[in-house]
Protein backbone atom coordinates (compact mmCIF):
# COMPACT_ATOMS: atom_id res chain seq x y z
CA MET A 1 -0.01 -0.05 -0.03
CA ALA A 2 1.58 3.32 -1.12
CA ALA A 3 2.28 5.81 1.74
CA ARG A 4 -0.12 8.85 2.06
CA ARG A 5 1.37 11.89 1.05
CA ARG A 6 1.71 14.45 3.72
CA PRO A 7 -0.58 17.64 3.15
CA LEU A 8 1.01 20.75 1.66
CA TRP A 9 -0.12 22.90 4.85
CA ALA A 10 1.45 20.17 7.29
CA TRP A 11 4.72 20.42 5.34
CA ALA A 12 4.66 24.19 5.15
CA THR A 13 3.99 24.13 8.97
CA GLY A 14 6.53 21.89 9.92
CA VAL A 15 9.12 24.09 7.83
CA PHE A 16 7.88 27.17 9.59
CA ARG A 17 8.31 25.62 12.91
CA ARG A 18 11.68 24.08 12.27
CA SER A 19 13.43 26.79 10.48
CA MET A 20 14.13 30.36 11.96
CA GLN A 21 15.09 31.43 8.35
CA ALA A 22 11.71 30.37 7.09
CA ARG A 23 10.09 32.32 9.96
CA VAL A 24 12.21 35.50 9.25
CA VAL A 25 11.62 35.55 5.43
CA ALA A 26 7.74 34.93 5.94
CA ALA A 27 7.64 37.56 8.57
CA SER A 28 9.34 39.91 6.20
CA MET A 29 7.22 39.39 3.25
CA VAL A 30 4.02 39.29 5.19
CA LEU A 31 4.61 42.65 6.71
CA SER A 32 5.92 43.92 3.44
CA THR A 33 2.88 42.81 1.74
CA LEU A 34 0.71 44.62 4.29
CA ALA A 35 2.62 47.78 3.91
CA LEU A 36 2.63 47.78 0.20
CA VAL A 37 -1.33 46.93 -0.03
CA GLY A 38 -1.75 50.03 2.37
CA VAL A 39 0.75 52.43 0.44
CA LEU A 40 -0.45 51.16 -2.99
CA GLY A 41 -4.32 51.36 -2.07
CA TYR A 42 -3.82 54.94 -0.72
CA MET A 43 -1.94 55.90 -3.66
CA SER A 44 -4.47 54.40 -6.03
CA ALA A 45 -7.45 56.08 -4.07
CA SER A 46 -5.67 59.30 -4.32
CA VAL A 47 -4.76 59.34 -7.78
CA GLY A 48 -7.91 58.09 -8.90
CA GLN A 49 -10.00 60.86 -6.93
CA ASN A 50 -7.51 63.61 -8.65
CA LEU A 51 -8.04 62.18 -11.75
CA PHE A 52 -11.89 62.34 -11.54
CA GLU A 53 -11.57 65.65 -9.98
CA THR A 54 -9.64 67.13 -12.68
CA ARG A 55 -11.62 65.75 -15.36
CA ARG A 56 -14.72 67.15 -13.51
CA ASP A 57 -13.48 70.45 -13.40
CA ASP A 58 -12.65 70.67 -17.05
CA ALA A 59 -16.00 69.36 -17.98
CA LEU A 60 -17.72 72.10 -15.53
CA VAL A 61 -15.48 74.75 -17.15
CA GLU A 62 -16.50 73.35 -20.74
CA ALA A 63 -19.83 73.48 -19.88
CA VAL A 64 -19.82 76.89 -18.64
CA GLN A 65 -18.08 78.10 -21.72
CA ALA A 66 -20.38 76.32 -23.93
CA ARG A 67 -23.37 77.90 -22.24
CA ASN A 68 -22.04 81.35 -22.61
CA GLN A 69 -21.46 80.89 -26.20
CA MET A 70 -24.86 79.67 -26.70
CA GLN A 71 -26.22 82.47 -24.85
CA GLN A 72 -24.32 84.93 -26.90
CA ILE A 73 -25.32 83.32 -30.23
CA PHE A 74 -29.06 83.43 -29.27
CA ASN A 75 -28.54 87.14 -27.98
CA ASP A 76 -27.15 87.92 -31.66
CA ALA A 77 -29.96 86.31 -33.29
CA VAL A 78 -32.51 88.64 -31.23
CA THR A 79 -30.67 91.55 -32.55
CA GLN A 80 -30.84 90.47 -36.00
CA ASN A 81 -34.68 91.14 -35.87
CA LEU A 82 -35.67 87.43 -35.70
CA THR A 83 -39.58 87.35 -35.50
CA SER A 84 -41.84 85.04 -34.14
CA GLY A 85 -42.59 83.58 -37.62
CA GLU A 86 -39.19 82.34 -37.90
CA VAL A 87 -39.08 79.83 -35.13
CA ASP A 88 -37.70 77.16 -37.83
CA ALA A 89 -34.76 79.60 -38.32
CA LEU A 90 -34.30 79.95 -34.41
CA GLN A 91 -34.04 76.19 -34.39
CA ASP A 92 -31.51 75.85 -37.14
CA THR A 93 -29.32 78.60 -35.20
CA ALA A 94 -29.53 76.36 -32.17
CA LEU A 95 -28.41 73.27 -33.96
CA ASN A 96 -25.58 75.13 -35.85
CA ALA A 97 -24.75 76.66 -32.52
CA ILE A 98 -24.39 73.34 -30.67
CA ASP A 99 -22.89 71.67 -33.30
CA GLY A 100 -19.91 74.20 -33.70
CA ILE A 101 -19.62 74.41 -30.03
CA ILE A 102 -19.55 70.71 -29.27
CA SER A 103 -17.12 69.72 -32.24
CA SER A 104 -14.39 71.87 -30.55
CA ARG A 105 -14.70 70.26 -27.29
CA SER A 106 -14.22 66.94 -25.55
CA THR A 107 -17.66 66.39 -24.79
CA THR A 108 -19.12 63.40 -26.81
CA GLU A 109 -22.96 63.90 -26.66
CA TYR A 110 -25.44 66.72 -25.85
CA ALA A 111 -29.22 67.67 -25.19
CA MET A 112 -30.82 70.99 -25.04
CA LEU A 113 -34.23 70.26 -23.35
CA ARG A 114 -36.87 72.84 -22.56
CA SER A 115 -37.27 73.49 -18.80
CA ASP A 116 -40.60 72.50 -17.32
CA ALA A 117 -41.20 75.15 -14.58
CA GLN A 118 -41.50 78.30 -16.67
CA ASP A 119 -44.17 80.66 -17.82
CA GLU A 120 -46.03 80.05 -21.05
CA THR A 121 -44.50 81.88 -24.06
CA VAL A 122 -45.60 82.49 -27.56
CA LEU A 123 -42.95 80.55 -29.44
CA SER A 124 -41.94 77.02 -28.41
CA MET A 125 -38.78 75.38 -29.88
CA ASN A 126 -38.12 71.80 -30.23
CA ASP A 127 -35.56 69.77 -27.89
CA VAL A 128 -32.30 69.40 -29.40
CA GLN A 129 -30.16 66.35 -28.84
CA SER A 130 -27.56 64.17 -30.39
CA GLN A 131 -28.70 60.88 -31.65
CA ALA A 132 -26.59 58.79 -28.81
CA PHE A 133 -27.64 60.79 -25.79
CA ASP A 134 -29.90 58.97 -23.51
CA ALA A 135 -32.12 61.10 -21.84
CA ALA A 136 -33.00 58.31 -19.28
CA LEU A 137 -29.43 59.18 -17.68
CA LEU A 138 -30.89 62.37 -16.31
CA THR A 139 -32.44 62.01 -12.92
CA GLN A 140 -35.35 64.20 -12.09
CA GLY A 141 -33.59 65.54 -9.02
CA MET A 142 -30.59 66.83 -11.37
CA ARG A 143 -33.21 68.37 -13.82
CA THR A 144 -34.96 70.14 -11.13
CA ALA A 145 -31.38 71.44 -9.67
CA VAL A 146 -30.24 72.62 -12.94
CA ALA A 147 -33.64 74.36 -13.76
CA ASP A 148 -33.57 76.18 -10.62
CA ALA A 149 -30.14 77.39 -11.01
CA SER A 150 -29.44 80.35 -13.17
CA ASP A 151 -25.75 80.24 -13.59
CA ALA A 152 -24.21 77.48 -11.68
CA PRO A 153 -23.40 74.12 -13.51
CA PHE A 154 -24.28 70.60 -12.06
CA TYR A 155 -22.85 67.27 -12.56
CA GLN A 156 -23.79 63.77 -12.07
CA SER A 157 -21.68 60.49 -12.56
CA VAL A 158 -23.28 58.09 -15.04
CA ARG A 159 -22.57 54.69 -16.84
CA ILE A 160 -22.59 55.07 -20.60
CA GLU A 161 -23.79 52.26 -22.65
CA SER A 162 -21.32 51.72 -25.51
CA ALA A 163 -20.45 48.59 -27.96
CA ASN A 164 -17.63 47.27 -25.60
CA GLY A 165 -20.08 47.34 -22.56
CA THR A 166 -20.39 50.12 -20.23
CA GLU A 167 -18.16 53.25 -19.51
CA PRO A 168 -17.94 55.68 -16.96
CA GLY A 169 -19.16 59.14 -17.61
CA LEU A 170 -20.02 62.61 -16.31
CA VAL A 171 -23.05 64.55 -17.38
CA VAL A 172 -22.95 68.32 -16.82
CA GLY A 173 -26.23 70.57 -16.93
CA THR A 174 -26.75 74.22 -17.00
CA THR A 175 -29.44 76.73 -18.26
CA VAL A 176 -29.75 78.84 -21.59
CA ASP A 177 -32.25 81.59 -22.00
CA VAL A 178 -33.28 81.36 -25.64
CA PRO A 179 -35.08 84.79 -26.63
CA LEU A 180 -38.96 84.31 -27.46
CA THR A 181 -39.17 80.84 -26.33
CA GLY A 182 -37.88 80.72 -22.69
CA GLN A 183 -35.45 78.76 -20.50
CA TYR A 184 -33.81 75.57 -21.86
CA GLU A 185 -31.60 73.01 -19.95
CA LEU A 186 -28.19 72.42 -21.83
CA TYR A 187 -26.51 69.00 -21.14
CA LEU A 188 -23.09 67.94 -22.16
CA LEU A 189 -22.09 64.22 -21.81
CA THR A 190 -18.44 63.30 -21.31
CA SER A 191 -17.02 59.99 -21.39
CA LEU A 192 -14.30 59.08 -18.97
CA GLN A 193 -13.07 55.85 -20.13
CA SER A 194 -9.58 57.39 -21.18
CA THR A 195 -9.10 58.49 -17.50
CA GLN A 196 -10.41 55.12 -16.40
CA GLU A 197 -7.94 53.56 -18.48
CA THR A 198 -5.00 55.72 -17.21
CA LEU A 199 -6.07 54.68 -13.72
CA ASP A 200 -6.41 51.08 -14.50
CA PHE A 201 -2.90 51.23 -16.15
CA MET A 202 -1.33 53.26 -13.26
CA GLN A 203 -2.74 50.37 -10.77
CA LEU A 204 -1.60 47.48 -12.70
CA THR A 205 2.05 49.07 -12.89
CA MET A 206 1.86 49.50 -9.11
CA VAL A 207 0.69 45.84 -8.67
CA ILE A 208 3.29 44.63 -10.66
CA GLY A 209 5.97 46.82 -9.17
CA GLY A 210 4.61 45.79 -5.58
CA LEU A 211 5.05 42.05 -6.43
CA VAL A 212 8.58 42.58 -8.03
CA LEU A 213 9.26 44.54 -4.73
CA ILE A 214 7.90 41.90 -2.34
CA ALA A 215 9.90 39.29 -4.24
CA LEU A 216 13.22 41.48 -3.77
CA ILE A 217 12.27 41.94 -0.20
CA GLY A 218 11.95 38.25 0.45
CA LEU A 219 15.11 37.60 -1.43
CA ILE A 220 17.07 40.12 0.63
CA SER A 221 15.42 38.71 3.71
CA TRP A 222 16.51 35.49 2.91
CA MET A 223 19.90 36.50 2.46
CA VAL A 224 20.38 38.35 5.30
CA ALA A 225 18.83 35.53 7.47
CA ARG A 226 21.03 33.07 5.76
CA LEU A 227 24.08 35.09 6.87
CA ILE A 228 22.72 35.45 10.63
CA VAL A 229 21.20 31.87 10.80
CA GLY A 230 23.88 30.07 8.99
CA PRO A 231 26.52 30.17 11.54
CA VAL A 232 23.77 29.59 14.18
CA GLN A 233 22.90 26.51 12.85
CA THR A 234 26.62 25.32 12.45
CA ALA A 235 27.13 26.38 15.99
CA ALA A 236 24.02 23.96 16.99
CA GLU A 237 25.45 21.11 14.94
CA SER A 238 28.91 21.57 16.27
CA SER A 239 27.33 21.58 20.00
CA ALA A 240 25.33 18.31 19.20
CA ARG A 241 28.52 16.72 18.10
CA ILE A 242 30.41 18.00 21.09
CA ALA A 243 27.40 16.74 23.49
CA ALA A 244 27.71 13.31 21.58
CA GLY A 245 31.49 12.79 22.59
CA GLU A 246 33.20 14.40 19.47
CA LEU A 247 35.31 16.73 21.26
CA ASP A 248 37.55 17.84 18.48
CA VAL A 249 34.70 19.57 16.77
CA ARG A 250 35.18 23.33 16.03
CA ILE A 251 33.36 26.30 14.07
CA PRO A 252 35.25 27.35 11.28
CA VAL A 253 35.85 31.13 11.58
CA ARG A 254 36.30 33.73 8.70
CA GLY A 255 36.50 37.48 9.07
CA ASP A 256 36.30 39.98 12.05
CA ASP A 257 32.70 40.44 12.20
CA GLU A 258 30.26 39.63 15.05
CA MET A 259 29.76 36.15 13.97
CA ALA A 260 33.49 35.76 13.72
CA LYS A 261 33.63 36.58 17.45
CA LEU A 262 30.87 34.27 18.33
CA GLY A 263 32.89 31.30 16.41
CA ARG A 264 36.00 32.29 18.27
CA SER A 265 34.30 32.22 21.57
CA PHE A 266 32.51 28.92 20.92
CA ASN A 267 35.86 27.45 19.95
CA ASP A 268 37.33 28.92 23.04
CA MET A 269 34.30 27.46 25.17
CA ALA A 270 34.92 24.11 23.21
CA ASP A 271 38.51 24.08 23.93
CA SER A 272 37.92 24.86 27.73
CA ILE A 273 35.15 21.98 28.08
CA SER A 274 37.44 19.54 26.28
CA ARG A 275 40.38 20.28 28.67
CA GLN A 276 38.12 19.93 31.54
CA ILE A 277 36.53 16.73 30.58
CA ASN A 278 40.04 15.15 29.81
CA GLU A 279 41.11 16.40 33.15
CA LEU A 280 38.28 14.84 35.01
CA ALA A 281 38.65 11.73 33.08
CA THR A 282 42.34 11.66 34.26
CA LEU A 283 41.18 12.33 37.78
CA SER A 284 38.58 9.76 37.77
CA THR A 285 40.82 7.18 36.39
CA VAL A 286 43.45 7.96 39.13
CA GLN A 287 40.88 8.08 41.82
CA GLN A 288 39.62 4.73 40.57
CA ARG A 289 42.93 3.34 40.51
CA PHE A 290 43.59 4.68 43.90
CA VAL A 291 40.48 3.14 45.47
CA SER A 292 41.34 -0.18 43.74
CA ASP A 293 44.90 -0.29 44.78
CA VAL A 294 44.18 0.85 48.40
CA SER A 295 41.69 -1.56 48.45
CA HIS A 296 43.98 -4.31 47.21
CA GLU A 297 46.78 -3.24 49.54
CA LEU A 298 44.53 -2.99 52.31
CA ARG A 299 43.50 -6.59 52.11
CA THR A 300 46.80 -8.28 53.34
CA PRO A 301 47.11 -6.59 56.43
CA LEU A 302 43.19 -6.58 56.97
CA THR A 303 43.57 -10.50 56.69
CA THR A 304 46.29 -10.45 59.30
CA ILE A 305 44.31 -8.40 61.82
CA ARG A 306 41.22 -10.82 60.98
CA LEU A 307 43.14 -14.04 62.12
CA ALA A 308 44.65 -12.28 65.12
CA GLY A 309 41.15 -10.74 66.18
CA ASP A 310 39.42 -14.43 65.39
CA VAL A 311 42.08 -15.77 67.77
CA LEU A 312 41.19 -13.33 70.49
CA HIS A 313 37.40 -13.56 69.67
CA ASP A 314 37.69 -17.34 70.13
CA ARG A 315 39.45 -17.01 73.75
CA ARG A 316 37.42 -14.07 74.73
CA ALA A 317 35.74 -16.23 77.39
CA SER A 318 39.07 -16.34 79.51
CA PHE A 319 39.54 -12.54 79.38
CA ASP A 320 38.03 -9.89 82.18
CA PRO A 321 34.57 -8.47 80.87
CA VAL A 322 36.22 -5.21 79.78
CA SER A 323 38.81 -7.11 77.63
CA SER A 324 36.09 -9.29 76.44
CA ARG A 325 33.79 -6.65 75.34
CA THR A 326 36.81 -4.97 73.59
CA VAL A 327 37.58 -8.22 71.67
CA GLU A 328 33.77 -8.17 70.50
CA LEU A 329 33.77 -4.68 69.37
CA LEU A 330 37.07 -5.26 67.51
CA HIS A 331 35.62 -8.49 65.77
CA THR A 332 32.46 -6.44 64.74
CA GLN A 333 34.47 -3.60 63.24
CA ILE A 334 36.98 -5.84 61.57
CA GLU A 335 33.84 -7.57 59.85
CA ARG A 336 32.47 -4.02 58.89
CA PHE A 337 35.98 -3.08 57.39
CA GLU A 338 36.03 -6.38 55.38
CA GLN A 339 32.39 -5.58 53.96
CA LEU A 340 33.59 -1.89 53.20
CA LEU A 341 36.65 -3.14 51.39
CA ALA A 342 34.38 -5.53 49.20
CA ASP A 343 32.08 -2.81 48.58
CA LEU A 344 34.77 -0.15 47.53
CA LEU A 345 36.25 -2.89 45.19
CA GLU A 346 32.86 -3.49 43.63
CA LEU A 347 32.18 0.09 43.20
CA SER A 348 35.69 0.44 41.40
CA ARG A 349 34.62 -2.22 39.01
CA PHE A 350 31.50 -0.41 38.22
CA ASP A 351 33.31 2.99 37.80
CA ALA A 352 35.88 1.36 35.54
CA GLY A 353 33.11 -0.48 33.44
CA ALA A 354 34.71 -3.64 34.15
CA ALA A 355 31.77 -5.24 36.20
CA GLN A 356 30.32 -8.44 34.30
CA LEU A 357 27.29 -10.29 34.48
CA GLU A 358 27.13 -14.13 34.84
CA VAL A 359 23.68 -14.83 33.98
CA GLU A 360 21.73 -18.16 34.33
CA PRO A 361 18.01 -19.13 34.47
CA THR A 362 16.96 -18.44 38.21
CA ASN A 363 13.40 -18.76 39.94
CA LEU A 364 13.13 -15.69 41.77
CA VAL A 365 10.78 -16.86 44.02
CA ARG A 366 13.17 -19.59 45.31
CA LEU A 367 16.00 -17.26 45.52
CA ALA A 368 13.85 -14.76 47.62
CA GLU A 369 12.80 -17.78 50.07
CA ARG A 370 16.39 -18.56 50.48
CA GLU A 371 17.32 -14.80 51.67
CA ILE A 372 14.39 -14.60 53.85
CA GLU A 373 15.49 -17.89 55.47
CA ALA A 374 19.03 -16.33 55.66
CA VAL A 375 17.95 -13.23 57.61
CA GLU A 376 15.31 -15.01 59.75
CA PRO A 377 17.38 -15.02 62.84
CA LEU A 378 18.08 -11.53 62.58
CA ALA A 379 14.25 -10.62 62.13
CA ALA A 380 13.30 -12.99 65.03
CA GLU A 381 15.69 -10.86 67.15
CA HIS A 382 13.87 -7.65 66.21
CA GLY A 383 10.30 -9.46 66.65
CA ILE A 384 9.81 -8.81 62.79
CA GLU A 385 7.73 -11.19 60.70
CA LEU A 386 8.85 -12.17 57.06
CA ARG A 387 6.26 -12.30 54.55
CA LEU A 388 6.53 -13.73 50.84
CA ILE A 389 3.81 -12.65 48.50
CA ALA A 390 4.09 -14.26 44.97
CA PRO A 391 0.65 -13.65 43.11
CA GLY A 392 1.60 -14.60 39.37
CA GLY A 393 3.51 -16.78 37.24
CA HIS A 394 6.39 -15.99 35.14
CA PHE A 395 8.96 -16.25 37.89
CA GLU A 396 11.99 -17.44 36.24
CA ALA A 397 14.44 -14.99 34.65
CA GLU A 398 17.67 -14.75 33.23
CA VAL A 399 19.93 -12.96 35.80
CA ASP A 400 23.23 -12.86 37.96
CA PRO A 401 22.06 -14.79 41.11
CA ARG A 402 24.93 -13.35 43.30
CA ARG A 403 24.10 -9.81 42.52
CA ILE A 404 20.31 -10.38 43.04
CA ARG A 405 20.91 -12.08 46.23
CA ARG A 406 23.41 -9.00 47.46
CA ILE A 407 20.67 -6.53 46.30
CA LEU A 408 17.83 -8.73 48.45
CA GLN A 409 20.29 -8.97 51.38
CA ASN A 410 20.71 -5.20 51.57
CA LEU A 411 17.03 -4.42 51.07
CA LEU A 412 15.88 -6.95 53.76
CA GLY A 413 18.67 -5.57 56.32
CA ASN A 414 17.39 -2.14 55.69
CA ALA A 415 13.93 -3.16 56.35
CA ILE A 416 14.46 -5.15 59.44
CA ASP A 417 16.83 -2.18 60.83
CA HIS A 418 14.06 0.24 60.30
CA GLY A 419 10.59 -1.72 60.18
CA GLU A 420 10.04 -1.06 63.77
CA GLY A 421 9.08 -4.69 64.76
CA LYS A 422 6.39 -4.57 61.99
CA PRO A 423 6.03 -7.37 59.37
CA VAL A 424 8.13 -7.09 56.19
CA GLU A 425 6.76 -8.40 52.91
CA VAL A 426 8.97 -9.60 49.93
CA ILE A 427 6.63 -9.42 46.79
CA VAL A 428 7.76 -11.20 43.53
CA ASP A 429 5.64 -10.84 40.54
CA SER A 430 6.64 -11.03 36.70
CA SER A 431 4.88 -10.50 33.18
CA THR A 432 5.86 -11.61 29.94
CA ASP A 433 8.56 -8.66 29.58
CA ALA A 434 9.71 -8.06 33.02
CA ALA A 435 10.18 -9.54 36.64
CA ALA A 436 10.16 -7.66 39.97
CA ILE A 437 10.77 -7.96 43.50
CA ALA A 438 9.71 -5.53 46.05
CA VAL A 439 10.59 -5.60 49.67
CA ARG A 440 7.98 -3.44 51.80
CA ASP A 441 8.43 -2.49 55.60
CA HIS A 442 5.90 -0.59 57.73
CA GLY A 443 8.36 1.51 59.66
CA VAL A 444 9.21 4.90 60.02
CA GLY A 445 9.46 5.77 56.31
CA MET A 446 11.19 8.85 54.52
CA SER A 447 10.46 12.15 53.51
CA ALA A 448 10.58 13.15 49.65
CA GLU A 449 13.94 14.70 50.19
CA GLU A 450 15.42 11.72 52.00
CA ALA A 451 14.00 9.33 49.15
CA SER A 452 15.67 11.28 46.57
CA ARG A 453 19.11 10.81 48.12
CA VAL A 454 18.80 7.31 49.35
CA PHE A 455 20.72 5.69 46.48
CA ASP A 456 23.72 8.19 47.01
CA ARG A 457 26.97 6.98 48.15
CA PHE A 458 27.93 7.10 52.07
CA TRP A 459 24.45 8.87 52.55
CA ARG A 460 22.55 8.32 55.75
CA ALA A 461 19.34 10.19 56.71
CA ASP A 462 20.37 9.66 60.53
CA PRO A 463 23.91 8.79 61.07
CA SER A 464 23.42 8.45 64.76
CA ARG A 465 20.61 5.78 64.53
CA GLN A 466 21.90 2.51 65.70
CA ARG A 467 22.35 -0.25 62.88
CA ARG A 468 22.22 -3.99 63.57
CA THR A 469 23.15 -5.30 60.15
CA GLY A 470 26.59 -3.07 60.22
CA GLY A 471 25.97 -1.58 56.93
CA THR A 472 28.65 0.86 55.08
CA GLY A 473 26.36 3.22 53.31
CA LEU A 474 27.09 1.80 50.07
CA GLY A 475 24.92 -0.95 49.68
CA LEU A 476 21.85 0.89 48.04
CA SER A 477 24.56 2.51 45.42
CA ILE A 478 25.72 -0.93 44.53
CA SER A 479 22.40 -2.30 44.36
CA ARG A 480 21.39 0.58 41.75
CA ASP A 481 24.43 -0.41 39.66
CA ASP A 482 23.65 -3.97 39.74
CA ALA A 483 20.13 -3.41 38.53
CA ALA A 484 21.39 -1.11 35.76
CA LEU A 485 23.96 -3.75 34.97
CA HIS A 486 21.00 -6.09 34.26
CA GLY A 487 19.24 -3.49 32.08
CA GLY A 488 16.64 -2.77 34.98
CA TRP A 489 16.35 -0.29 37.65
CA ILE A 490 15.31 -0.08 41.44
CA ASP A 491 13.11 2.73 42.73
CA VAL A 492 11.87 3.62 46.02
CA TRP A 493 8.42 4.68 47.49
CA SER A 494 8.21 5.84 51.24
CA ALA A 495 6.44 8.10 53.24
CA PRO A 496 6.98 8.95 56.88
CA GLY A 497 4.96 6.88 59.43
CA GLU A 498 3.97 4.62 56.61
CA GLY A 499 7.20 2.65 55.85
CA THR A 500 9.02 2.22 52.64
CA GLN A 501 9.04 0.03 49.52
CA PHE A 502 11.93 -0.85 47.41
CA ARG A 503 11.06 -2.22 44.09
CA LEU A 504 13.59 -4.17 41.76
CA THR A 505 12.48 -4.48 38.00
CA LEU A 506 14.45 -6.73 35.83
CA PRO A 507 13.97 -7.59 31.89
CA ARG A 508 13.11 -11.05 30.95
CA ALA A 509 15.23 -12.69 28.40
CA GLY A 510 15.10 -10.74 25.00
CA ALA A 511 12.64 -8.45 26.11
CA ARG A 512 12.36 -4.47 26.46
CA VAL A 513 11.22 -3.29 29.98
CA VAL A 514 8.53 -0.85 29.46
CA ALA A 515 6.78 -0.96 32.91
CA SER A 516 7.09 -3.00 36.06
CA PRO A 517 4.67 -5.74 37.13
CA ILE A 518 4.49 -4.49 40.57
CA ASP A 519 3.10 -0.89 41.48
CA LEU A 520 5.58 1.46 43.22
CA ALA A 521 3.09 2.59 45.67
CA PRO A 522 1.95 -0.33 47.76
CA ASP A 523 -1.44 -1.73 48.04
CA ASP A 524 -1.86 -3.24 51.66
CA THR A 525 -5.35 -4.62 51.41
CA GLN A 526 -5.40 -8.08 51.72
CA PRO A 527 -2.30 -9.46 49.97
CA LEU A 528 -2.08 -13.08 48.85
CA VAL A 529 0.61 -14.66 50.96
CA LEU A 530 2.81 -17.88 49.86
CA PRO A 531 4.28 -19.62 53.04
CA VAL A 532 8.02 -18.82 53.76
CA ALA A 533 8.67 -22.65 54.33
CA MET A 534 7.52 -24.03 50.85
CA PRO A 535 7.71 -27.68 49.83
CA PRO A 536 11.05 -29.35 48.59
CA GLU A 537 12.24 -27.58 45.28
CA PRO A 538 11.54 -30.22 42.42
CA ALA A 539 13.99 -30.75 39.66
CA THR A 540 12.04 -28.52 37.42
CA THR A 541 9.62 -25.83 38.70
CA THR A 542 6.96 -24.69 36.49
CA ALA A 543 4.59 -21.61 37.03
CA GLU A 544 1.64 -24.15 37.38
CA GLN A 545 3.34 -25.68 40.42
CA LEU A 546 3.92 -22.27 42.08
CA HIS A 547 0.28 -21.22 41.43
CA SER A 548 -0.86 -24.75 42.99
CA SER A 549 1.09 -23.69 46.30
CA PRO A 550 -1.24 -23.35 49.21
CA ILE A 551 -2.08 -19.73 50.05
CA ALA A 552 -3.46 -17.86 52.93
CA LEU A 553 -4.98 -14.40 53.57
CA VAL A 554 -3.39 -12.53 56.12
CA ASP A 555 -4.45 -9.28 57.74
CA PRO A 556 -1.78 -6.65 56.81
CA THR A 557 -3.04 -4.11 59.21
CA VAL A 558 0.01 -3.04 61.52
CA GLU A 559 0.53 0.05 63.83
CA LEU A 560 2.71 2.56 61.85
CA GLY A 561 5.99 3.90 63.42
CA THR A 562 7.06 7.75 63.43
CA GLU A 563 10.76 7.70 63.75
CA GLU A 564 13.45 9.07 61.40
CA VAL A 565 14.96 6.72 59.08
CA GLU A 566 18.34 5.90 57.87
CA ARG A 567 19.20 4.27 54.65
């Protein structure tokens, strides 16, 4: 099936959104178009009005001159003893006078009509008009205004029918007193087609010139934007490459203008960042090597001290009470020192990128059960009940059992230390894509600020609080690195007085983890609990066998503690 073509407007919107150069050019052309439309519109209206007024004034002047000449001709006819019996001669005089006057002017058509509002006279001359003059063009209002005025001319804009359609025109009316016959209205019709053609040509010229000007403005804007945006784009691309690790990328610099100064400043900044990164990398390598070397060098004297301490610890019963207590403290601190060295060595492997996984198919429920059994004596000493909750199937995963056990040991030790004697629950669940283990206690809990720092190295919320598991402050940091090494993560939910829940999420073989099968915020309403003491493990454990294990409903309601917590 052919791919659907992207709509043009969507493509244009995408270009406009992504390209500052396109926005600059578009804005320049839009603003220029609006400005030109305003200017050219004003110029067109002004020129058109001026042309009309000029042509109107000429028509009014011609009408007055024609009226005066007509009046003079009729007055001369009276002095030549024109009598009432010679009306036909008067008519001929009027026709000859109009033809002579009109032929010398720009007026195209004419009409000489007898006024309606006048006294009866002895003689009455017929109306005189050119063949193409349409009397329907004259409105009654204009005829009344012309008849009432003695000298002032009146004009009216009209549309003239012609072979090519309609043309704009102007009709001007005035009055002539014809001796012996009375008052007549003289109308001269002038076509404004030539004026309209001049205006149309001017408007077309302005439109073409405006379009060319807009195109030139767009081209200039594009060139200017290119000069400005080009170096910015180069800087952005160089920044992205530097961020990707190409520390030797630099911007080519030409000239001494502002953009060249920007390029030099950018290159100086890149040089400084590259030097600092190299220095930090070198310092980090030195620190990692120092921690690793020190840890290895301390193992030999520590082994000697441990052997001597064990000898003293085995004979502590023969010592006086003070010495016996001192030997016990020495033994405890030696064990803590050994654990600290082991943690430092593990951290140095993570920092150096040398940590390796030894994965194998592992049943997470069985693994959790063994770790619960291992810490049961410590939990019993605190009066804490350990519960294993496994609500679903898919419990087997490809993991490094040693690292997962270390994570569980650390989480269980923290939960026992801060559980305030309330039950601790270990939840194991999985889906087709991921497996998860959560450890939930109902102890003092942590604030949001404390929870955000709980995975920091050597950080504790309350360093003065007594710990029974001998933690070094590195366990959760190592647990986070172990989870990341598996391609998963470990996160925490906690609330003061409500306890804490750590959740470890791991990908199943060949799967990509999108979501954890266990909710981070715990749901304490009627959990399904598998007994800690499970039947002997068969040669092959299946999900169906796990589902068939006996279950019991346990009331999870416990009294919540309010003390501060350390992690």
